[in-house]
Amino acid sequence: MVLLSKRKICKFCENPEEKVDYKNYKVLRRFVTEQGKIIPSRITGTCARHQRELTKAIKRARNIALLPYSYDVTQSYK
């Protein structure tokens, strides 16, 4: 039996009014793991163009301290 997986659609191509912006850290947090790593496009479903924009935006947000480089696992967030 062959299982056909549904192709993931880029969130930013699907909704053109939502832009990739380094100041919008709430959107960027969904593309970063708990360890602080950027999630690859094969998992998130973003296209290559938007994945490159996401990477730049996440790195800029980290640089100006909107996003952390890594998360402290011992500290609990509520």
N, C-alpha and C. Protein backbone atom coordinates (compact mmCIF):
# COMPACT_ATOMS: atom_id res chain seq x y z
N MET A 1 0.85 -1.17 0.00
CA MET A 1 0.00 0.00 0.00
C MET A 1 0.89 1.24 0.00
N VAL A 2 0.60 2.15 -0.89
CA VAL A 2 1.38 3.37 -1.02
C VAL A 2 0.65 4.51 -0.32
N LEU A 3 1.35 5.17 0.58
CA LEU A 3 0.76 6.31 1.28
C LEU A 3 1.19 7.59 0.58
N LEU A 4 0.24 8.36 0.15
CA LEU A 4 0.54 9.63 -0.49
C LEU A 4 0.42 10.73 0.55
N SER A 5 1.49 11.48 0.70
CA SER A 5 1.44 12.55 1.67
C SER A 5 0.98 13.84 1.00
N LYS A 6 0.28 14.61 1.75
CA LYS A 6 -0.22 15.88 1.24
C LYS A 6 0.94 16.87 1.20
N ARG A 7 1.13 17.53 0.08
CA ARG A 7 2.23 18.48 -0.06
C ARG A 7 1.96 19.70 0.81
N LYS A 8 3.00 20.11 1.53
CA LYS A 8 2.87 21.28 2.39
C LYS A 8 2.94 22.54 1.54
N ILE A 9 2.15 23.51 1.89
CA ILE A 9 2.08 24.76 1.15
C ILE A 9 2.75 25.86 1.97
N CYS A 10 3.51 26.69 1.28
CA CYS A 10 4.20 27.79 1.94
C CYS A 10 3.18 28.75 2.54
N LYS A 11 3.32 29.04 3.81
CA LYS A 11 2.40 29.91 4.53
C LYS A 11 2.43 31.32 3.98
N PHE A 12 3.60 31.77 3.55
CA PHE A 12 3.76 33.14 3.07
C PHE A 12 3.31 33.30 1.62
N CYS A 13 3.40 32.25 0.81
CA CYS A 13 2.88 32.30 -0.56
C CYS A 13 1.36 32.21 -0.54
N GLU A 14 0.82 31.45 0.39
CA GLU A 14 -0.61 31.26 0.51
C GLU A 14 -1.32 32.54 0.96
N ASN A 15 -0.67 33.28 1.84
CA ASN A 15 -1.23 34.52 2.38
C ASN A 15 -0.27 35.68 2.08
N PRO A 16 -0.43 36.36 0.93
CA PRO A 16 0.54 37.39 0.53
C PRO A 16 0.60 38.61 1.43
N GLU A 17 -0.44 38.89 2.21
CA GLU A 17 -0.39 40.06 3.07
C GLU A 17 0.48 39.82 4.31
N GLU A 18 0.81 38.57 4.62
CA GLU A 18 1.70 38.29 5.74
C GLU A 18 3.14 38.26 5.22
N LYS A 19 3.94 39.17 5.71
CA LYS A 19 5.32 39.31 5.25
C LYS A 19 6.29 38.74 6.28
N VAL A 20 7.46 38.36 5.81
CA VAL A 20 8.53 37.92 6.70
C VAL A 20 9.22 39.18 7.19
N ASP A 21 9.15 39.43 8.50
CA ASP A 21 9.74 40.63 9.07
C ASP A 21 10.44 40.28 10.37
N TYR A 22 11.64 40.80 10.55
CA TYR A 22 12.41 40.47 11.75
C TYR A 22 11.79 41.05 13.01
N LYS A 23 10.95 42.07 12.88
CA LYS A 23 10.31 42.67 14.05
C LYS A 23 9.10 41.88 14.54
N ASN A 24 8.57 41.02 13.69
CA ASN A 24 7.42 40.20 14.05
C ASN A 24 7.92 38.87 14.65
N TYR A 25 8.39 38.94 15.88
CA TYR A 25 9.02 37.78 16.52
C TYR A 25 8.03 36.67 16.85
N LYS A 26 6.75 37.00 16.97
CA LYS A 26 5.76 35.96 17.28
C LYS A 26 5.61 34.98 16.13
N VAL A 27 5.71 35.47 14.89
CA VAL A 27 5.65 34.59 13.73
C VAL A 27 6.96 33.80 13.61
N LEU A 28 8.07 34.46 13.87
CA LEU A 28 9.38 33.81 13.73
C LEU A 28 9.59 32.69 14.75
N ARG A 29 8.97 32.79 15.92
CA ARG A 29 9.14 31.76 16.95
C ARG A 29 8.63 30.40 16.51
N ARG A 30 7.67 30.38 15.58
CA ARG A 30 7.13 29.10 15.11
C ARG A 30 8.12 28.36 14.21
N PHE A 31 9.13 29.06 13.72
CA PHE A 31 10.10 28.46 12.82
C PHE A 31 11.43 28.18 13.51
N VAL A 32 11.43 28.21 14.85
CA VAL A 32 12.63 27.94 15.64
C VAL A 32 12.30 26.86 16.66
N THR A 33 13.22 25.90 16.85
CA THR A 33 12.99 24.82 17.82
C THR A 33 13.22 25.32 19.24
N GLU A 34 12.99 24.45 20.20
CA GLU A 34 13.22 24.80 21.60
C GLU A 34 14.70 25.02 21.90
N GLN A 35 15.56 24.38 21.13
CA GLN A 35 16.99 24.57 21.31
C GLN A 35 17.50 25.83 20.62
N GLY A 36 16.65 26.47 19.81
CA GLY A 36 17.04 27.69 19.13
C GLY A 36 17.45 27.48 17.69
N LYS A 37 17.29 26.26 17.18
CA LYS A 37 17.67 25.97 15.80
C LYS A 37 16.54 26.35 14.84
N ILE A 38 16.92 26.77 13.64
CA ILE A 38 15.94 27.12 12.62
C ILE A 38 15.42 25.82 12.00
N ILE A 39 14.11 25.67 11.93
CA ILE A 39 13.49 24.45 11.40
C ILE A 39 13.62 24.46 9.88
N PRO A 40 14.06 23.35 9.27
CA PRO A 40 14.23 23.31 7.82
C PRO A 40 12.91 23.39 7.06
N SER A 41 13.02 23.78 5.80
CA SER A 41 11.82 24.00 4.99
C SER A 41 11.08 22.72 4.67
N ARG A 42 11.76 21.58 4.66
CA ARG A 42 11.08 20.32 4.37
C ARG A 42 10.11 19.95 5.48
N ILE A 43 10.31 20.49 6.67
CA ILE A 43 9.41 20.23 7.79
C ILE A 43 8.32 21.31 7.85
N THR A 44 8.70 22.57 7.68
CA THR A 44 7.72 23.66 7.79
C THR A 44 6.89 23.83 6.53
N GLY A 45 7.44 23.47 5.38
CA GLY A 45 6.70 23.59 4.13
C GLY A 45 6.90 24.91 3.42
N THR A 46 7.81 25.75 3.91
CA THR A 46 8.04 27.03 3.24
C THR A 46 8.85 26.83 1.97
N CYS A 47 8.63 27.71 0.99
CA CYS A 47 9.37 27.63 -0.27
C CYS A 47 10.79 28.14 -0.04
N ALA A 48 11.65 27.93 -1.03
CA ALA A 48 13.07 28.28 -0.88
C ALA A 48 13.26 29.79 -0.69
N ARG A 49 12.50 30.57 -1.43
CA ARG A 49 12.63 32.03 -1.32
C ARG A 49 12.27 32.52 0.08
N HIS A 50 11.15 32.05 0.59
CA HIS A 50 10.73 32.49 1.92
C HIS A 50 11.58 31.88 3.03
N GLN A 51 12.14 30.69 2.80
CA GLN A 51 13.03 30.10 3.80
C GLN A 51 14.29 30.95 3.95
N ARG A 52 14.82 31.46 2.83
CA ARG A 52 15.98 32.35 2.90
C ARG A 52 15.64 33.64 3.63
N GLU A 53 14.46 34.19 3.35
CA GLU A 53 14.02 35.40 4.05
C GLU A 53 13.82 35.14 5.54
N LEU A 54 13.26 33.97 5.87
CA LEU A 54 13.07 33.59 7.28
C LEU A 54 14.40 33.50 8.01
N THR A 55 15.38 32.88 7.37
CA THR A 55 16.69 32.72 8.00
C THR A 55 17.31 34.08 8.30
N LYS A 56 17.25 34.98 7.34
CA LYS A 56 17.79 36.33 7.56
C LYS A 56 17.04 37.04 8.67
N ALA A 57 15.72 36.93 8.67
CA ALA A 57 14.90 37.61 9.68
C ALA A 57 15.17 37.05 11.08
N ILE A 58 15.31 35.73 11.19
CA ILE A 58 15.59 35.12 12.50
C ILE A 58 16.95 35.56 13.01
N LYS A 59 17.94 35.58 12.13
CA LYS A 59 19.28 36.00 12.55
C LYS A 59 19.31 37.47 12.95
N ARG A 60 18.57 38.31 12.24
CA ARG A 60 18.49 39.72 12.63
C ARG A 60 17.78 39.88 13.97
N ALA A 61 16.70 39.15 14.17
CA ALA A 61 15.96 39.23 15.43
C ALA A 61 16.81 38.75 16.60
N ARG A 62 17.64 37.75 16.36
CA ARG A 62 18.56 37.28 17.40
C ARG A 62 19.59 38.35 17.72
N ASN A 63 20.08 39.01 16.68
CA ASN A 63 21.14 40.00 16.85
C ASN A 63 20.68 41.19 17.69
N ILE A 64 19.43 41.59 17.55
CA ILE A 64 18.93 42.72 18.35
C ILE A 64 18.11 42.26 19.56
N ALA A 65 18.24 40.99 19.89
CA ALA A 65 17.68 40.39 21.12
C ALA A 65 16.16 40.32 21.15
N LEU A 66 15.52 40.19 19.99
CA LEU A 66 14.09 39.90 19.99
C LEU A 66 13.85 38.40 20.16
N LEU A 67 14.77 37.60 19.66
CA LEU A 67 14.74 36.15 19.83
C LEU A 67 16.03 35.71 20.51
N PRO A 68 15.97 34.72 21.37
CA PRO A 68 17.21 34.23 21.98
C PRO A 68 17.97 33.31 21.03
N TYR A 69 19.29 33.24 21.20
CA TYR A 69 20.09 32.31 20.41
C TYR A 69 19.79 30.87 20.82
N SER A 70 19.56 30.66 22.11
CA SER A 70 19.17 29.35 22.61
C SER A 70 18.28 29.57 23.84
N TYR A 71 17.50 28.56 24.14
CA TYR A 71 16.59 28.64 25.27
C TYR A 71 17.18 27.88 26.45
N ASP A 72 16.94 28.36 27.65
CA ASP A 72 17.38 27.71 28.86
C ASP A 72 16.37 26.64 29.22
N VAL A 73 16.79 25.38 29.18
CA VAL A 73 15.89 24.27 29.42
C VAL A 73 15.52 24.16 30.90
N THR A 74 16.42 24.57 31.78
CA THR A 74 16.17 24.42 33.21
C THR A 74 15.15 25.44 33.71
N GLN A 75 15.02 26.56 33.01
CA GLN A 75 14.08 27.58 33.42
C GLN A 75 12.71 27.28 32.82
N SER A 76 11.68 27.36 33.63
CA SER A 76 10.33 27.08 33.13
C SER A 76 9.62 28.38 32.77
N TYR A 77 8.97 28.35 31.61
CA TYR A 77 8.22 29.51 31.12
C TYR A 77 6.75 29.28 31.34
N LYS A 78 6.06 30.30 31.79
CA LYS A 78 4.63 30.19 32.05
C LYS A 78 3.87 31.20 31.26
